[in-house]
Protein backbone atom coordinates (compact mmCIF):
# COMPACT_ATOMS: atom_id res chain seq x y z
CA MET A 1 24.55 -5.34 26.85
CA VAL A 2 25.16 -1.86 28.30
CA GLY A 3 22.59 -0.47 30.75
CA SER A 4 19.11 -1.02 29.30
CA GLN A 5 20.31 -1.33 25.70
CA PHE A 6 19.31 -4.65 24.19
CA TYR A 7 20.15 -4.60 20.50
CA SER A 8 21.64 -2.21 17.99
CA ALA A 9 21.62 -2.06 14.20
CA ASP A 10 22.63 0.28 11.44
CA VAL A 11 18.96 1.08 10.80
CA ILE A 12 15.85 0.46 12.90
CA VAL A 13 12.58 0.32 10.94
CA ILE A 14 9.34 0.83 12.88
CA GLY A 15 6.45 -0.83 11.09
CA ALA A 16 6.45 -4.12 9.19
CA GLY A 17 3.83 -3.57 6.56
CA VAL A 18 4.64 -3.74 2.87
CA ILE A 19 6.41 -0.35 3.02
CA GLY A 20 8.42 -1.19 6.14
CA MET A 21 9.46 -4.66 4.98
CA MET A 22 10.42 -3.51 1.50
CA SER A 23 12.40 -0.63 3.00
CA ALA A 24 14.20 -3.11 5.26
CA LEU A 25 15.03 -5.40 2.33
CA GLU A 26 16.34 -2.49 0.24
CA LEU A 27 18.55 -1.29 3.09
CA ALA A 28 19.78 -4.80 3.86
CA GLU A 29 20.68 -5.40 0.22
CA ALA A 30 22.63 -2.13 0.36
CA GLY A 31 24.72 -3.60 3.19
CA HIS A 32 23.02 -2.30 6.34
CA THR A 33 22.03 -4.40 9.32
CA VAL A 34 18.34 -3.74 9.94
CA LEU A 35 16.08 -4.27 12.95
CA VAL A 36 12.35 -4.20 12.12
CA PHE A 37 9.63 -3.75 14.74
CA ASP A 38 5.90 -4.31 14.46
CA LYS A 39 3.24 -4.04 17.13
CA GLY A 40 1.56 -7.16 15.69
CA GLN A 41 2.48 -9.71 13.07
CA ALA A 42 4.19 -8.35 9.99
CA GLY A 43 1.92 -7.49 7.08
CA LEU A 44 -1.41 -7.78 8.89
CA GLU A 45 -2.60 -4.16 9.03
CA ALA A 46 -3.36 -2.04 5.91
CA SER A 47 -1.05 -4.26 3.85
CA TRP A 48 -3.38 -7.20 4.49
CA ALA A 49 -6.70 -5.36 4.35
CA GLY A 50 -6.40 -3.57 0.99
CA GLY A 51 -7.48 -4.68 -2.45
CA GLY A 52 -4.13 -4.96 -4.21
CA ILE A 53 -4.66 -2.93 -7.39
CA ILE A 54 -1.27 -1.96 -8.86
CA SER A 55 -2.52 1.52 -9.69
CA PRO A 56 -4.04 4.45 -7.85
CA LEU A 57 -7.81 4.48 -8.30
CA TYR A 58 -8.57 7.06 -11.00
CA PRO A 59 -4.85 7.83 -11.42
CA TRP A 60 -5.54 10.98 -13.46
CA ARG A 61 -6.83 12.65 -10.28
CA TYR A 62 -3.41 12.57 -8.61
CA GLU A 63 -0.55 15.05 -8.77
CA PRO A 64 2.55 14.19 -10.87
CA PRO A 65 4.67 13.10 -7.85
CA VAL A 66 2.24 10.25 -7.12
CA THR A 67 2.21 9.30 -10.80
CA ALA A 68 6.02 9.26 -10.81
CA LEU A 69 6.14 6.79 -7.90
CA ALA A 70 3.36 4.65 -9.37
CA THR A 71 4.89 4.48 -12.85
CA TRP A 72 8.30 3.39 -11.52
CA SER A 73 6.66 0.81 -9.26
CA GLN A 74 4.42 -0.63 -11.96
CA GLN A 75 7.47 -1.35 -14.08
CA ALA A 76 9.23 -2.99 -11.12
CA PHE A 77 6.37 -5.21 -9.97
CA PRO A 78 6.73 -8.21 -12.34
CA ASP A 79 10.37 -8.80 -11.40
CA LEU A 80 9.66 -8.11 -7.71
CA ILE A 81 6.85 -10.66 -7.49
CA ALA A 82 8.78 -13.24 -9.52
CA SER A 83 11.80 -12.82 -7.24
CA LEU A 84 9.69 -13.18 -4.08
CA SER A 85 8.04 -16.31 -5.50
CA VAL A 86 11.40 -17.93 -6.23
CA SER A 87 13.00 -16.98 -2.90
CA THR A 88 10.05 -17.78 -0.61
CA GLY A 89 7.88 -20.25 -2.53
CA ILE A 90 4.84 -18.01 -1.95
CA ASP A 91 2.80 -17.03 -5.01
CA SER A 92 1.51 -13.46 -4.65
CA GLU A 93 -0.96 -14.09 -7.50
CA LEU A 94 0.01 -11.19 -9.74
CA SER A 95 -2.67 -10.73 -12.41
CA THR A 96 -1.87 -8.72 -15.53
CA LYS A 97 -5.29 -8.59 -17.18
CA GLY A 98 -5.88 -4.82 -17.02
CA MET A 99 -8.58 -2.64 -15.49
CA LEU A 100 -11.97 -1.72 -16.94
CA VAL A 101 -13.31 1.67 -15.80
CA THR A 102 -17.01 2.35 -16.20
CA ALA A 103 -19.51 4.92 -14.94
CA THR A 104 -17.12 7.87 -15.03
CA ASP A 105 -17.65 11.40 -16.35
CA GLU A 106 -13.88 12.09 -16.56
CA ARG A 107 -13.14 10.52 -19.93
CA ASP A 108 -11.45 13.56 -21.48
CA LYS A 109 -9.26 14.10 -18.43
CA ALA A 110 -8.39 10.40 -18.25
CA LEU A 111 -7.53 10.12 -21.94
CA ALA A 112 -5.36 13.24 -21.82
CA TRP A 113 -3.57 11.96 -18.70
CA GLY A 114 -2.72 8.64 -20.34
CA ILE A 115 -0.99 10.10 -23.40
CA GLY A 116 2.63 9.00 -23.40
CA LEU A 117 2.36 7.00 -20.17
CA SER A 118 2.86 3.26 -19.82
CA PRO A 119 -0.48 2.82 -18.00
CA GLU A 120 -2.32 4.07 -21.08
CA VAL A 121 -6.05 4.82 -21.11
CA ILE A 122 -8.13 3.66 -24.09
CA GLU A 123 -11.74 4.48 -24.92
CA ILE A 124 -13.51 1.34 -26.09
CA SER A 125 -17.03 0.56 -27.23
CA GLU A 126 -19.71 -0.97 -25.05
CA GLU A 127 -19.51 -4.09 -27.20
CA GLU A 128 -15.76 -4.41 -26.65
CA ALA A 129 -16.18 -3.87 -22.93
CA HIS A 130 -18.97 -6.46 -22.78
CA ALA A 131 -16.69 -8.96 -24.49
CA LEU A 132 -14.11 -8.36 -21.76
CA GLU A 133 -16.60 -8.51 -18.88
CA PRO A 134 -19.98 -9.99 -19.89
CA HIS A 135 -21.36 -9.96 -16.32
CA VAL A 136 -20.60 -6.28 -15.63
CA GLN A 137 -23.22 -3.54 -15.99
CA LEU A 138 -21.60 -0.96 -18.29
CA ASP A 139 -22.09 2.65 -19.27
CA GLU A 140 -21.98 3.79 -22.90
CA THR A 141 -18.27 4.54 -23.31
CA PRO A 142 -16.09 2.63 -20.85
CA LEU A 143 -12.35 3.15 -20.46
CA TRP A 144 -9.80 0.37 -20.73
CA MET A 145 -6.38 0.32 -19.04
CA PRO A 146 -4.76 -2.85 -20.40
CA ARG A 147 -1.49 -2.56 -18.44
CA ILE A 148 -2.93 -2.33 -14.94
CA SER A 149 -2.25 -5.32 -12.70
CA SER A 150 -3.39 -6.55 -9.32
CA VAL A 151 -1.81 -8.65 -6.61
CA ARG A 152 -3.18 -10.62 -3.70
CA ASN A 153 -1.60 -8.34 -1.16
CA SER A 154 -2.11 -10.67 1.82
CA ARG A 155 0.11 -13.22 0.06
CA MET A 156 2.59 -10.52 -0.96
CA GLY A 157 2.83 -9.55 2.71
CA ARG A 158 3.49 -13.17 3.65
CA ALA A 159 6.21 -13.40 1.03
CA LEU A 160 7.89 -10.21 2.23
CA ARG A 161 7.73 -11.43 5.84
CA GLN A 162 9.39 -14.68 4.82
CA ALA A 163 12.07 -12.79 2.90
CA CYS A 164 12.80 -10.62 5.95
CA LEU A 165 12.90 -13.58 8.33
CA HIS A 166 15.44 -15.36 6.13
CA HIS A 167 17.64 -12.36 5.32
CA PRO A 168 20.94 -12.54 7.24
CA LYS A 169 21.06 -8.77 7.81
CA ILE A 170 17.46 -8.36 9.03
CA ARG A 171 16.03 -9.11 12.45
CA LEU A 172 12.23 -8.96 12.64
CA LEU A 173 10.66 -8.37 16.07
CA GLU A 174 6.89 -8.89 15.96
CA TYR A 175 4.42 -8.06 18.75
CA HIS A 176 6.78 -5.32 19.93
CA GLU A 177 4.99 -2.00 20.35
CA VAL A 178 7.52 0.82 20.02
CA PHE A 179 7.63 4.18 21.80
CA LEU A 180 9.51 7.13 20.34
CA SER A 181 10.71 9.91 22.64
CA GLY A 182 13.39 12.54 23.00
CA HIS A 183 14.12 15.11 20.31
CA LEU A 184 14.29 15.03 16.51
CA ASP A 185 18.07 15.17 16.56
CA SER A 186 18.42 12.56 19.29
CA PRO A 187 15.31 10.34 19.30
CA LYS A 188 15.04 7.33 21.59
CA ILE A 189 13.25 4.05 20.89
CA SER A 190 11.99 1.63 23.50
CA SER A 191 9.87 -1.50 23.50
CA ARG A 192 8.94 -3.88 26.31
CA GLY A 193 11.03 -1.84 28.72
CA LYS A 194 14.20 -2.12 26.63
CA CYS A 195 16.02 0.61 24.71
CA TYR A 196 17.22 0.01 21.18
CA THR A 197 19.98 1.85 19.41
CA GLY A 198 20.68 2.44 15.75
CA ASP A 199 22.51 4.89 13.55
CA ARG A 200 19.20 5.91 11.97
CA PHE A 201 15.50 5.20 12.52
CA VAL A 202 12.83 4.83 9.81
CA LEU A 203 9.15 5.31 10.63
CA ALA A 204 7.04 3.16 8.31
CA ALA A 205 4.16 2.76 10.72
CA GLY A 206 1.31 3.66 8.39
CA ALA A 207 -1.70 5.18 10.13
CA TRP A 208 0.21 5.20 13.44
CA THR A 209 3.07 7.38 12.14
CA GLY A 210 1.60 10.59 13.51
CA CYS A 211 1.21 9.05 16.98
CA LEU A 212 4.88 8.07 17.02
CA LEU A 213 6.09 11.46 15.78
CA ALA A 214 4.14 13.13 18.56
CA GLY A 215 6.69 11.52 20.87
CA VAL A 216 9.36 13.85 19.44
CA LYS A 217 6.89 16.75 19.28
CA LEU A 218 6.54 16.77 15.51
CA ARG A 219 3.11 17.45 14.05
CA CYS A 220 2.26 15.18 11.16
CA PRO A 221 -0.69 15.20 8.70
CA ILE A 222 -0.77 11.39 8.38
CA LYS A 223 -3.91 10.01 10.03
CA PRO A 224 -6.03 6.83 9.93
CA MET A 225 -8.70 6.53 7.24
CA LYS A 226 -10.88 3.46 7.59
CA GLY A 227 -11.75 1.28 4.61
CA GLN A 228 -14.12 -1.70 4.49
CA ILE A 229 -14.23 -4.54 1.96
CA LEU A 230 -16.50 -7.50 1.12
CA LEU A 231 -15.43 -10.95 -0.10
CA PHE A 232 -17.76 -12.99 -2.34
CA SER A 233 -17.57 -16.77 -2.67
CA PRO A 234 -16.04 -18.33 -5.82
CA CYS A 235 -18.15 -17.34 -8.83
CA HIS A 236 -15.76 -16.28 -11.62
CA PHE A 237 -18.02 -13.36 -12.64
CA VAL A 238 -15.14 -10.98 -13.41
CA ASN A 239 -11.83 -11.62 -15.14
CA ARG A 240 -9.96 -8.41 -14.28
CA VAL A 241 -10.22 -5.34 -12.06
CA VAL A 242 -13.42 -3.36 -12.68
CA LEU A 243 -13.87 0.19 -11.34
CA ALA A 244 -17.18 2.06 -11.23
CA ASN A 245 -18.46 4.97 -9.13
CA GLY A 246 -15.46 4.81 -6.82
CA ARG A 247 -15.92 1.11 -6.04
CA TYR A 248 -13.91 -1.80 -7.42
CA ALA A 249 -14.21 -5.54 -8.00
CA ILE A 250 -10.99 -7.56 -7.99
CA PRO A 251 -11.00 -11.22 -9.04
CA ARG A 252 -8.78 -13.63 -7.15
CA ALA A 253 -7.18 -16.72 -8.65
CA ASP A 254 -9.60 -18.92 -6.69
CA GLY A 255 -12.63 -17.25 -8.29
CA ARG A 256 -13.56 -15.15 -5.28
CA ILE A 257 -14.25 -11.43 -5.74
CA VAL A 258 -12.90 -8.73 -3.45
CA PHE A 259 -15.25 -5.74 -3.51
CA GLY A 260 -14.45 -2.38 -1.94
CA SER A 261 -14.18 0.02 -0.49
CA THR A 262 -15.39 2.68 1.89
CA LEU A 263 -13.45 5.77 2.95
CA GLU A 264 -14.20 6.83 6.53
CA ASP A 265 -12.59 9.41 8.80
CA VAL A 266 -13.36 7.77 12.17
CA GLY A 267 -9.98 7.65 13.88
CA PHE A 268 -8.55 4.29 14.90
CA GLU A 269 -11.91 2.49 14.98
CA LYS A 270 -11.83 -0.41 12.49
CA VAL A 271 -14.79 -2.66 13.31
CA PRO A 272 -16.84 -3.69 10.24
CA ASP A 273 -20.37 -2.33 10.40
CA ARG A 274 -23.81 -2.85 8.87
CA HIS A 275 -24.00 0.55 7.16
CA ALA A 276 -20.83 -0.11 5.17
CA PHE A 277 -22.04 -3.61 4.34
CA GLU A 278 -25.31 -2.33 2.89
CA SER A 279 -23.56 0.38 0.86
CA LEU A 280 -20.90 -1.96 -0.54
CA TYR A 281 -23.38 -4.75 -1.25
CA ALA A 282 -25.69 -2.40 -3.17
CA SER A 283 -22.71 -1.14 -5.22
CA ALA A 284 -21.60 -4.70 -5.93
CA LEU A 285 -25.03 -5.71 -7.26
CA SER A 286 -25.24 -2.53 -9.32
CA MET A 287 -21.91 -3.38 -10.97
CA ILE A 288 -22.39 -7.17 -11.21
CA PRO A 289 -26.10 -8.08 -10.89
CA ALA A 290 -25.32 -11.82 -10.94
CA LEU A 291 -23.69 -11.48 -7.50
CA GLU A 292 -27.16 -11.43 -5.96
CA GLN A 293 -27.08 -15.24 -5.97
CA THR A 294 -23.48 -15.46 -4.68
CA PRO A 295 -22.86 -16.03 -0.96
CA LEU A 296 -20.77 -13.54 0.97
CA GLU A 297 -17.85 -14.98 2.89
CA ALA A 298 -16.41 -12.04 4.79
CA GLN A 299 -16.36 -8.33 5.56
CA TRP A 300 -13.32 -6.63 7.05
CA ALA A 301 -11.88 -3.21 7.76
CA GLY A 302 -8.42 -1.66 7.77
CA LEU A 303 -6.80 1.70 8.44
CA ARG A 304 -5.04 3.52 5.63
CA PRO A 305 -2.36 6.13 6.37
CA GLY A 306 -4.26 9.14 5.03
CA SER A 307 -2.28 12.13 3.77
CA PRO A 308 -3.08 15.37 1.92
CA GLY A 309 -3.40 14.59 -1.77
CA GLY A 310 -2.24 11.04 -1.13
CA LEU A 311 1.34 12.31 -1.15
CA PRO A 312 3.63 10.27 1.14
CA TRP A 313 6.46 11.45 3.34
CA ILE A 314 9.73 9.90 2.13
CA GLY A 315 12.90 11.31 3.59
CA ALA A 316 14.58 12.72 6.68
CA VAL A 317 13.04 14.82 9.44
CA SER A 318 16.51 14.94 11.03
CA ASP A 319 19.88 13.28 10.48
CA LYS A 320 18.75 10.49 12.77
CA LEU A 321 15.03 10.14 12.01
CA TRP A 322 13.52 9.23 8.62
CA VAL A 323 9.98 8.55 7.41
CA ASN A 324 8.44 6.38 4.70
CA SER A 325 4.70 6.67 5.27
CA GLY A 326 1.46 8.41 4.30
CA HIS A 327 0.75 6.47 1.10
CA PHE A 328 -3.01 6.63 1.78
CA ARG A 329 -4.82 4.22 -0.58
CA ASN A 330 -1.69 3.36 -2.56
CA GLY A 331 0.74 1.66 -0.21
CA VAL A 332 1.06 -1.54 -2.24
CA VAL A 333 1.43 0.09 -5.65
CA LEU A 334 3.88 2.75 -4.44
CA SER A 335 5.96 0.43 -2.25
CA PRO A 336 8.76 -0.52 -4.70
CA ALA A 337 9.54 3.08 -5.71
CA SER A 338 9.08 4.49 -2.20
CA SER A 339 11.43 1.94 -0.68
CA ARG A 340 14.07 2.35 -3.38
CA LEU A 341 13.88 6.15 -3.12
CA LEU A 342 14.27 6.02 0.67
CA CYS A 343 17.31 3.76 0.32
CA ASP A 344 18.81 6.00 -2.36
CA LEU A 345 18.54 8.99 -0.04
CA MET A 346 19.88 7.17 3.00
CA MET A 347 22.80 5.75 0.99
CA ASP A 348 23.49 9.11 -0.69
CA ARG A 349 22.94 7.56 -4.12
CA THR A 350 21.45 9.26 -7.15
CA PRO A 351 17.67 8.97 -6.52
CA ILE A 352 15.43 7.15 -8.98
CA ILE A 353 13.14 10.21 -9.15
CA ASP A 354 13.20 13.76 -7.80
CA PRO A 355 12.76 13.38 -4.01
CA THR A 356 11.75 16.99 -3.38
CA PRO A 357 7.93 16.56 -3.38
CA TYR A 358 8.04 13.89 -0.67
CA GLN A 359 10.25 15.69 1.85
CA PRO A 360 8.70 15.59 5.34
CA TRP A 361 7.87 18.76 7.18
CA LYS A 362 10.64 19.64 9.60
CA ALA A 363 8.89 22.30 11.65
CA SER A 364 7.73 21.08 15.05
């Protein structure tokens, strides 16, 4: 130990959500030693709080760069989840039963978007939709996306944490709040009064990314966006993801239904509240009237890393400092492609997709 330096690694990753842990695993598999920090326990912020749909909501509303990341990730998810299950013994409960979209006035746009894409969009009759989801209140011409999946993201987070803890090239430091200071070309990282050194640093701190970058005087558009979710007791009223009027129902393997979500620009406040409960509960009964007799088990809130257009930052802000953040509502679905792309760039490999749209701003 020299001076106040405590530990060094090839790469230091700040943030141990799904994005941070998958980035660490990619880099470790590429041969780097990786030190991962989190201010709490790994995987318990946005990665835990979200719904787990392996698709952007209304994917036709997003720009092509988001679609490119999502499409690559969707193809990678089955092997990723199977590998995590084998290596950790934790079942992430991947469901491949599709997504039913109802109550939308964007059918033409959605159908045109889906032409030639793997996550195809199909217009089906009300009778066909009712056969898929007999308890769901439908509009006249629902849309069916048979290749959309969902995952129980809290369990996926646990599996990734276990994989990081057991990887010989990764050291995971939980309950270590990190402070970033200095300059873009020579940033400094400290935690608990100790300094940490690495060849390169990766910020994967979700909604807190902008706060950290302020320490090196870099303005960043990533900010917290609160989302609240309800959990209904086991009832088995839906078989697959259902999306209507911007709200979704996601069935879990145990029969419970996750119903969400709100979108609130209220800073770092994440306490569940009555107003959100009433709004979500009314939407849930409108979609699935039978839920009126089903007990509620929980309501929670999380902070998404909001970004303009939902477009993440993936890449270098300097030779030393890199970012993989700003995935907004799509951190889970975009995580395989985002992490692989980051590793490609850091290893100077041919990138899986064109990295240009995700390049961070470099002006301070």
